[in-house]
Amino acid sequence: MKDAHGCQLTGCNGQAQALLDQALAQFRCLRTDSLASTEAALEASPELVMGYVLHAWLYMLGTEAAAIPVAQASLKHALALPRNDREARHIHSLQLLIDGRWHAAGRALEDLSLDYPHDLLALQAGHQLDFFTGDARMLRDRIARVLPDWSMAVPGYHALLGMYAFGLEETGDYSLGERFGREAISLQPDDAWAQHAVAHVLEMQGRREEGIAWMRGNSAWQQDSMLAVHNWWHLALHYVEQDDFDTALALYDGPIDGHKGTLALELIDASSILWRLQLRGADVGNRWVDVAERWAAMAMDGRYAFNDFHAAMAFACSGRNDLLAQLREAQQRACQQDDDNARFTHAVGAPGVEAIVAFVDGQYARCVEVLRPVRNQAQLFGGSHAQRDLIDQTLIAAARCSGQDNLNRALLREREIFARQRSVH
């Protein structure tokens, strides 16, 4: 039996096939109900190998250490079953990621896509790993390689266009990225990743009013989406940059953090927006205290340096030195491991945390000293250009606060000139 893209499925029956195709279609739009559909497919056929594979990916792509035992359990079930080449290669990539080998997992999926260009799950998972490792070129080229194998007649074509749009944006091709992203949304309005790709273009070009109109003009992404909080974050960025702090905080208290989320990917957005608001002089009240409480469960993880960096903001700003100590201890352990996060943490994560703490403590000159070499290699610990811009914003604020006027002027000049170039690109 085959899925909607013609890929062979081991251990499948008709009901499980329909449910798996449904789960994959939901995942293409980053719908939250993809997990329930996956579990329903496994109930319909406990021998469905790709059901266990998708289940594991849904957990592992959240970047949290707590997801690893769940994913391992899914892989244990899959490994006990007969499987074909494609399924075995998914399992291999998942095991690499569980072992902390983020780049190798992405490479395994890259090779899988060479042989199975219509395996959209492999493309999506690989695209996310490129994002988590800050590999802008592969965000684009992983998708570009298979585009000739796809057409409007292939289910999920919108998702391919949306991913390509984001890769184009991250490699600086804003006009083409916007075109592909808008085309994807015209095909599937609730494709949250395509919506997000265009949002990135508008953010990077400083097109504030257009960015607000883009996010408010399409409501399809706002419900039941794994990316809803992040897309609301994109909307809030425009208001922050316009110094409309009341609207930004209303968005924070509403769709960004009103549900008091505990997922790392959502807490990153919460920390990021509060930090940016503070840098611009906004009063965020006691909001940091609640965010720190929810980050606390991950303080000792040492799984992904990008998460640690944002958790440190909440811990430092809420005065939780106990949690900061735990996080730093976890980072020290992480640096001793033989995996990719050891490099993420050593190169960017640990100095990034030191810079955040120095800034909060009023040691602005120390913050500048630590951040200057880090910002040029910040892509090594993942995220997007828009997310990592927080590092530059912090460096500028620290330079100003430490009285380093020439450096502050230079940083502002480079930012202004680059912004002009991007706006007409």
Protein backbone atom coordinates (compact mmCIF):
# COMPACT_ATOMS: atom_id res chain seq x y z
CA MET A 1 0.00 0.00 0.00
CA LYS A 2 1.22 3.53 -0.83
CA ASP A 3 0.69 7.01 0.59
CA ALA A 4 -0.65 9.98 -1.36
CA HIS A 5 2.80 10.60 -2.85
CA GLY A 6 3.32 7.06 -4.06
CA CYS A 7 5.71 6.06 -1.28
CA GLN A 8 5.39 2.46 -0.12
CA LEU A 9 4.01 1.93 3.38
CA THR A 10 4.88 -1.11 5.48
CA GLY A 11 2.24 -2.54 7.81
CA CYS A 12 -0.57 -0.44 6.42
CA ASN A 13 -4.28 -0.99 5.85
CA GLY A 14 -6.85 1.23 4.17
CA GLN A 15 -7.99 3.03 7.30
CA ALA A 16 -4.43 3.63 8.51
CA GLN A 17 -3.43 4.94 5.09
CA ALA A 18 -6.23 7.51 5.08
CA LEU A 19 -5.37 8.65 8.60
CA LEU A 20 -1.64 8.84 7.87
CA ASP A 21 -2.26 10.88 4.72
CA GLN A 22 -4.47 13.15 6.81
CA ALA A 23 -1.76 13.52 9.45
CA LEU A 24 0.86 14.33 6.83
CA ALA A 25 -1.42 16.89 5.18
CA GLN A 26 -2.01 18.52 8.56
CA PHE A 27 1.70 18.54 9.29
CA ARG A 28 2.34 20.26 5.95
CA CYS A 29 0.35 23.19 7.32
CA LEU A 30 1.79 22.70 10.83
CA ARG A 31 -1.63 21.95 12.25
CA THR A 32 -1.71 20.83 15.88
CA ASP A 33 -4.14 17.98 15.10
CA SER A 34 -1.47 16.12 13.12
CA LEU A 35 -0.39 14.33 16.31
CA ALA A 36 -3.92 13.07 17.04
CA SER A 37 -4.29 11.86 13.45
CA THR A 38 -0.94 10.08 13.67
CA GLU A 39 -1.95 8.30 16.85
CA ALA A 40 -5.29 7.35 15.27
CA ALA A 41 -3.41 5.84 12.31
CA LEU A 42 -1.33 3.74 14.70
CA GLU A 43 -4.48 2.56 16.45
CA ALA A 44 -5.86 1.51 13.07
CA SER A 45 -2.64 -0.36 12.30
CA PRO A 46 -0.09 -0.94 15.08
CA GLU A 47 2.30 -2.27 12.41
CA LEU A 48 2.39 1.04 10.51
CA VAL A 49 6.09 1.90 10.48
CA MET A 50 5.66 5.39 9.04
CA GLY A 51 3.13 6.13 11.76
CA TYR A 52 5.85 5.62 14.37
CA VAL A 53 8.29 7.60 12.24
CA LEU A 54 5.95 10.59 11.96
CA HIS A 55 5.14 10.35 15.66
CA ALA A 56 8.84 10.56 16.49
CA TRP A 57 9.43 13.49 14.14
CA LEU A 58 6.54 15.45 15.64
CA TYR A 59 8.21 15.21 19.03
CA MET A 60 11.84 15.65 18.00
CA LEU A 61 11.22 18.77 15.95
CA GLY A 62 10.19 20.56 19.14
CA THR A 63 13.92 20.65 20.19
CA GLU A 64 13.15 19.64 23.80
CA ALA A 65 15.04 17.02 25.81
CA ALA A 66 11.75 15.80 27.29
CA ALA A 67 10.66 14.65 23.83
CA ILE A 68 13.52 12.19 23.46
CA PRO A 69 12.05 9.30 25.52
CA VAL A 70 8.77 9.56 23.57
CA ALA A 71 10.60 9.49 20.25
CA GLN A 72 12.78 6.60 21.39
CA ALA A 73 9.69 4.61 22.31
CA SER A 74 8.27 5.20 18.83
CA LEU A 75 11.53 4.10 17.22
CA LYS A 76 11.60 0.97 19.39
CA HIS A 77 8.21 -0.01 17.98
CA ALA A 78 9.35 0.75 14.43
CA LEU A 79 12.56 -1.23 14.77
CA ALA A 80 10.61 -4.30 15.88
CA LEU A 81 8.73 -4.30 12.56
CA PRO A 82 9.66 -5.11 8.97
CA ARG A 83 10.53 -1.92 7.08
CA ASN A 84 11.57 -0.78 3.64
CA ASP A 85 14.60 1.29 2.65
CA ARG A 86 12.90 4.67 2.93
CA GLU A 87 11.45 3.90 6.35
CA ALA A 88 14.78 2.58 7.60
CA ARG A 89 16.51 5.76 6.52
CA HIS A 90 13.97 7.91 8.37
CA ILE A 91 14.63 5.83 11.48
CA HIS A 92 18.38 6.27 11.03
CA SER A 93 18.02 10.04 10.76
CA LEU A 94 15.84 10.16 13.86
CA GLN A 95 18.36 8.16 15.82
CA LEU A 96 21.13 10.54 14.78
CA LEU A 97 19.05 13.48 16.00
CA ILE A 98 18.28 11.75 19.29
CA ASP A 99 22.03 11.25 19.70
CA GLY A 100 22.58 14.98 19.26
CA ARG A 101 24.01 14.76 15.76
CA TRP A 102 21.84 17.46 14.19
CA HIS A 103 23.95 17.96 11.07
CA ALA A 104 24.30 14.25 10.35
CA ALA A 105 20.54 13.79 10.72
CA GLY A 106 19.98 16.55 8.18
CA ARG A 107 22.52 14.97 5.83
CA ALA A 108 20.80 11.59 6.09
CA LEU A 109 17.51 13.20 5.09
CA GLU A 110 19.29 15.06 2.29
CA ASP A 111 20.44 11.75 0.84
CA LEU A 112 17.00 10.23 1.36
CA SER A 113 15.45 13.05 -0.67
CA LEU A 114 17.83 12.39 -3.55
CA ASP A 115 16.29 8.93 -3.93
CA TYR A 116 12.73 9.77 -2.84
CA PRO A 117 12.03 13.35 -4.01
CA HIS A 118 8.31 13.01 -3.28
CA ASP A 119 8.83 12.11 0.39
CA LEU A 120 7.53 15.40 1.72
CA LEU A 121 8.05 14.39 5.35
CA ALA A 122 11.78 13.94 4.69
CA LEU A 123 11.89 17.37 3.04
CA GLN A 124 9.99 19.03 5.87
CA ALA A 125 12.01 17.43 8.64
CA GLY A 126 15.25 18.24 6.82
CA HIS A 127 14.13 21.82 6.26
CA GLN A 128 13.47 22.20 9.98
CA LEU A 129 16.88 20.77 10.83
CA ASP A 130 18.47 23.27 8.44
CA PHE A 131 16.62 25.99 10.36
CA PHE A 132 17.73 24.66 13.75
CA THR A 133 21.36 24.52 12.60
CA GLY A 134 21.27 27.92 10.86
CA ASP A 135 22.11 26.49 7.43
CA ALA A 136 20.54 29.12 5.19
CA ARG A 137 21.83 27.67 1.95
CA MET A 138 20.40 24.22 2.62
CA LEU A 139 17.07 25.77 3.63
CA ARG A 140 16.91 26.86 0.01
CA ASP A 141 18.81 24.17 -1.87
CA ARG A 142 17.29 21.11 -0.20
CA ILE A 143 14.02 22.22 -1.77
CA ALA A 144 15.45 23.55 -5.04
CA ARG A 145 16.88 20.12 -5.84
CA VAL A 146 13.49 18.45 -5.95
CA LEU A 147 11.38 21.26 -7.44
CA PRO A 148 11.62 19.83 -10.99
CA ASP A 149 10.07 16.59 -9.68
CA TRP A 150 6.99 18.43 -8.41
CA SER A 151 4.03 20.21 -9.96
CA MET A 152 0.59 21.48 -9.07
CA ALA A 153 -0.70 17.95 -9.66
CA VAL A 154 1.28 16.56 -6.70
CA PRO A 155 -0.49 16.79 -3.30
CA GLY A 156 1.16 19.27 -0.95
CA TYR A 157 2.83 21.34 -3.65
CA HIS A 158 2.01 24.45 -1.61
CA ALA A 159 4.27 23.21 1.20
CA LEU A 160 7.20 22.84 -1.19
CA LEU A 161 6.68 26.42 -2.40
CA GLY A 162 6.42 27.68 1.19
CA MET A 163 9.66 26.00 2.22
CA TYR A 164 11.45 27.25 -0.86
CA ALA A 165 10.16 30.75 -0.11
CA PHE A 166 11.69 30.67 3.36
CA GLY A 167 15.00 29.37 2.02
CA LEU A 168 15.08 32.16 -0.56
CA GLU A 169 14.38 34.75 2.13
CA GLU A 170 17.13 33.43 4.42
CA THR A 171 19.61 33.61 1.53
CA GLY A 172 18.61 37.21 0.78
CA ASP A 173 16.43 36.77 -2.29
CA TYR A 174 13.49 38.69 -0.89
CA SER A 175 11.54 39.36 -4.06
CA LEU A 176 11.57 35.75 -5.21
CA GLY A 177 10.91 34.50 -1.67
CA GLU A 178 7.88 36.74 -1.39
CA ARG A 179 6.58 35.57 -4.76
CA PHE A 180 6.81 31.88 -3.91
CA GLY A 181 5.37 32.44 -0.43
CA ARG A 182 2.36 34.34 -1.70
CA GLU A 183 1.78 31.66 -4.35
CA ALA A 184 1.82 28.98 -1.67
CA ILE A 185 -0.78 30.86 0.37
CA SER A 186 -2.96 31.31 -2.70
CA LEU A 187 -2.97 27.51 -3.01
CA GLN A 188 -3.40 26.77 0.70
CA PRO A 189 -4.32 29.73 2.96
CA ASP A 190 -3.67 27.80 6.19
CA ASP A 191 -0.07 26.92 5.27
CA ALA A 192 1.47 28.51 8.38
CA TRP A 193 5.05 28.09 7.14
CA ALA A 194 4.37 29.88 3.86
CA GLN A 195 2.61 32.66 5.78
CA HIS A 196 5.71 32.82 7.96
CA ALA A 197 8.05 32.96 4.95
CA VAL A 198 6.39 36.11 3.60
CA ALA A 199 6.33 37.54 7.12
CA HIS A 200 10.11 37.15 7.21
CA VAL A 201 10.52 39.00 3.92
CA LEU A 202 8.42 41.91 5.14
CA GLU A 203 10.28 41.99 8.46
CA MET A 204 13.72 41.93 6.88
CA GLN A 205 12.76 44.75 4.50
CA GLY A 206 11.20 46.84 7.27
CA ARG A 207 7.85 47.00 5.47
CA ARG A 208 5.89 47.61 8.68
CA GLU A 209 2.44 48.50 7.43
CA GLU A 210 2.53 45.80 4.75
CA GLY A 211 3.70 43.29 7.35
CA ILE A 212 0.82 44.15 9.64
CA ALA A 213 -1.65 43.91 6.76
CA TRP A 214 -0.21 40.54 5.67
CA MET A 215 -0.57 38.99 9.10
CA ARG A 216 -3.96 40.50 9.89
CA GLY A 217 -5.36 39.92 6.42
CA ASN A 218 -5.23 36.12 6.58
CA SER A 219 -6.80 34.45 9.61
CA ALA A 220 -6.31 30.87 8.40
CA TRP A 221 -2.96 30.47 10.21
CA GLN A 222 -4.25 31.73 13.54
CA GLN A 223 -6.09 28.64 14.73
CA ASP A 224 -4.86 25.16 15.66
CA SER A 225 -1.35 25.80 14.40
CA MET A 226 1.99 24.78 15.85
CA LEU A 227 3.34 28.03 14.43
CA ALA A 228 0.55 30.35 15.57
CA VAL A 229 2.53 31.87 18.46
CA HIS A 230 5.54 32.47 16.23
CA ASN A 231 3.43 34.11 13.56
CA TRP A 232 1.81 36.36 16.17
CA TRP A 233 5.37 37.17 17.28
CA HIS A 234 6.10 38.32 13.72
CA LEU A 235 3.13 40.65 13.86
CA ALA A 236 4.23 42.01 17.24
CA LEU A 237 7.72 42.79 15.87
CA HIS A 238 6.27 45.42 13.57
CA TYR A 239 4.60 47.20 16.48
CA VAL A 240 7.78 47.00 18.57
CA GLU A 241 9.76 48.64 15.76
CA GLN A 242 7.08 51.35 15.52
CA ASP A 243 7.39 51.92 19.30
CA ASP A 244 3.73 50.96 19.66
CA PHE A 245 4.41 49.17 22.92
CA ASP A 246 0.76 49.00 24.00
CA THR A 247 -0.23 46.98 20.93
CA ALA A 248 2.85 44.76 21.18
CA LEU A 249 2.12 44.02 24.85
CA ALA A 250 -1.54 43.36 24.07
CA LEU A 251 -0.43 40.76 21.54
CA TYR A 252 1.97 39.33 24.10
CA ASP A 253 -0.73 39.08 26.77
CA GLY A 254 -3.14 37.63 24.22
CA PRO A 255 -2.18 35.19 21.46
CA ILE A 256 1.56 35.06 22.14
CA ASP A 257 1.56 34.19 25.84
CA GLY A 258 -2.00 34.39 27.09
CA HIS A 259 -2.33 30.61 27.05
CA LYS A 260 0.81 30.31 29.22
CA GLY A 261 2.52 27.90 26.88
CA THR A 262 5.23 25.56 28.04
CA LEU A 263 6.75 24.57 24.71
CA ALA A 264 10.30 25.75 24.14
CA LEU A 265 9.52 27.13 20.68
CA GLU A 266 6.77 29.31 22.16
CA LEU A 267 8.80 30.38 25.18
CA ILE A 268 11.54 31.56 22.81
CA ASP A 269 9.05 33.96 21.26
CA ALA A 270 7.90 35.15 24.69
CA SER A 271 11.45 35.86 25.84
CA SER A 272 12.40 37.46 22.56
CA ILE A 273 9.54 39.95 22.43
CA LEU A 274 9.95 41.00 26.08
CA TRP A 275 13.70 41.50 25.64
CA ARG A 276 13.20 43.60 22.50
CA LEU A 277 10.60 45.72 24.25
CA GLN A 278 12.96 46.33 27.17
CA LEU A 279 15.79 47.31 24.83
CA ARG A 280 13.51 50.01 23.42
CA GLY A 281 12.63 51.29 26.87
CA ALA A 282 9.23 49.68 27.38
CA ASP A 283 8.03 48.69 30.84
CA VAL A 284 7.09 45.00 30.72
CA GLY A 285 6.09 44.83 34.38
CA ASN A 286 6.51 41.49 36.10
CA ARG A 287 5.92 39.38 33.00
CA TRP A 288 9.41 37.89 33.17
CA VAL A 289 8.63 36.07 36.43
CA ASP A 290 5.95 33.90 34.88
CA VAL A 291 8.02 33.17 31.77
CA ALA A 292 10.97 32.10 33.94
CA GLU A 293 8.76 29.69 35.86
CA ARG A 294 7.81 27.96 32.63
CA TRP A 295 11.40 27.87 31.37
CA ALA A 296 12.49 26.34 34.70
CA ALA A 297 11.64 22.77 33.65
CA MET A 298 14.25 23.03 30.87
CA ALA A 299 17.00 24.80 32.80
CA MET A 300 19.03 21.61 33.23
CA ASP A 301 18.46 20.15 29.76
CA GLY A 302 21.51 21.39 27.86
CA ARG A 303 19.91 20.03 24.70
CA TYR A 304 19.87 23.04 22.37
CA ALA A 305 21.88 26.23 22.90
CA PHE A 306 19.33 28.45 21.14
CA ASN A 307 16.77 27.52 23.78
CA ASP A 308 19.25 28.14 26.61
CA PHE A 309 20.00 31.63 25.30
CA HIS A 310 16.35 32.66 25.49
CA ALA A 311 15.76 30.93 28.81
CA ALA A 312 18.65 32.93 30.27
CA MET A 313 16.87 36.18 29.44
CA ALA A 314 13.91 35.15 31.57
CA PHE A 315 16.06 33.88 34.43
CA ALA A 316 18.27 36.99 34.50
CA CYS A 317 15.41 39.49 34.17
CA SER A 318 13.36 37.80 36.90
CA GLY A 319 16.30 37.55 39.31
CA ARG A 320 16.30 33.75 39.26
CA ASN A 321 19.98 33.23 39.90
CA ASP A 322 19.25 29.68 41.01
CA LEU A 323 17.91 28.81 37.58
CA LEU A 324 20.76 30.65 35.87
CA ALA A 325 23.21 28.54 37.85
CA GLN A 326 21.43 25.37 36.74
CA LEU A 327 21.45 26.50 33.11
CA ARG A 328 25.16 27.33 33.19
CA GLU A 329 25.92 23.98 34.77
CA ALA A 330 23.96 22.29 31.99
CA GLN A 331 25.91 24.28 29.42
CA GLN A 332 29.19 23.17 30.94
CA ARG A 333 28.07 19.55 30.68
CA ALA A 334 26.89 20.15 27.12
CA CYS A 335 30.31 21.46 26.10
CA GLN A 336 31.90 18.22 27.26
CA GLN A 337 29.74 16.07 24.99
CA ASP A 338 30.76 14.82 21.56
CA ASP A 339 27.77 16.18 19.68
CA ASP A 340 26.65 19.22 17.73
CA ASN A 341 25.15 21.08 20.66
CA ALA A 342 28.59 21.09 22.29
CA ARG A 343 29.71 23.23 19.35
CA PHE A 344 26.53 25.32 19.36
CA THR A 345 27.02 26.04 23.05
CA HIS A 346 30.76 26.65 23.01
CA ALA A 347 30.69 28.97 19.99
CA VAL A 348 27.55 30.98 20.66
CA GLY A 349 25.29 29.69 23.43
CA ALA A 350 27.56 30.06 26.45
CA PRO A 351 29.00 33.47 25.52
CA GLY A 352 25.49 34.56 24.56
CA VAL A 353 24.22 33.72 28.03
CA GLU A 354 27.18 35.53 29.59
CA ALA A 355 26.37 38.61 27.53
CA ILE A 356 22.70 38.54 28.55
CA VAL A 357 23.59 38.29 32.24
CA ALA A 358 26.17 41.07 31.91
CA PHE A 359 23.61 43.36 30.28
CA VAL A 360 21.00 42.72 32.97
CA ASP A 361 23.64 43.33 35.67
CA GLY A 362 24.54 46.66 34.09
CA GLN A 363 27.98 45.46 32.96
CA TYR A 364 27.50 46.88 29.50
CA ALA A 365 31.16 47.03 28.51
CA ARG A 366 31.47 43.33 29.33
CA CYS A 367 28.38 42.60 27.24
CA VAL A 368 29.95 44.40 24.28
CA GLU A 369 33.22 42.53 24.73
CA VAL A 370 31.46 39.15 24.66
CA LEU A 371 28.98 39.87 21.87
CA ARG A 372 31.28 41.45 19.29
CA PRO A 373 32.95 38.18 18.26
CA VAL A 374 29.76 36.15 18.72
CA ARG A 375 27.45 38.05 16.41
CA ASN A 376 29.47 37.14 13.30
CA GLN A 377 29.00 33.44 13.92
CA ALA A 378 25.58 33.47 15.57
CA GLN A 379 24.07 31.43 12.74
CA LEU A 380 25.97 28.43 14.11
CA PHE A 381 23.39 27.93 16.85
CA GLY A 382 20.37 28.16 14.61
CA GLY A 383 17.35 30.35 14.21
CA SER A 384 16.56 32.86 11.50
CA HIS A 385 18.09 36.21 10.63
CA ALA A 386 15.08 37.92 12.21
CA GLN A 387 15.49 35.99 15.46
CA ARG A 388 19.25 36.49 15.66
CA ASP A 389 18.86 40.22 15.06
CA LEU A 390 18.21 40.37 18.79
CA ILE A 391 21.95 39.86 19.27
CA ASP A 392 22.76 42.93 17.18
CA GLN A 393 20.10 44.96 18.96
CA THR A 394 21.58 43.98 22.32
CA LEU A 395 25.10 44.87 21.18
CA ILE A 396 23.95 48.31 20.01
CA ALA A 397 22.18 48.97 23.32
CA ALA A 398 25.20 47.79 25.31
CA ALA A 399 27.54 49.99 23.28
CA ARG A 400 25.31 52.99 23.92
CA CYS A 401 24.93 52.28 27.62
CA SER A 402 28.67 51.77 28.10
CA GLY A 403 29.50 55.09 26.48
CA GLN A 404 31.21 53.54 23.45
CA ASP A 405 29.86 56.24 21.17
CA ASN A 406 32.01 55.52 18.12
CA LEU A 407 31.11 51.84 18.15
CA ASN A 408 27.44 52.65 18.68
CA ARG A 409 27.49 55.07 15.74
CA ALA A 410 29.27 52.53 13.53
CA LEU A 411 26.79 49.79 14.38
CA LEU A 412 23.84 52.05 13.69
CA ARG A 413 25.35 53.17 10.38
CA GLU A 414 25.91 49.64 9.11
CA ARG A 415 22.38 48.75 10.15
CA GLU A 416 20.86 51.76 8.40
CA ILE A 417 22.76 51.20 5.16
CA PHE A 418 21.94 47.50 5.07
CA ALA A 419 18.27 48.25 5.79
CA ARG A 420 18.18 50.60 2.80
CA GLN A 421 19.70 47.96 0.56
CA ARG A 422 17.25 45.29 1.71
CA SER A 423 14.24 47.55 1.24
CA VAL A 424 14.88 47.86 -2.50
CA HIS A 425 16.13 44.33 -3.13
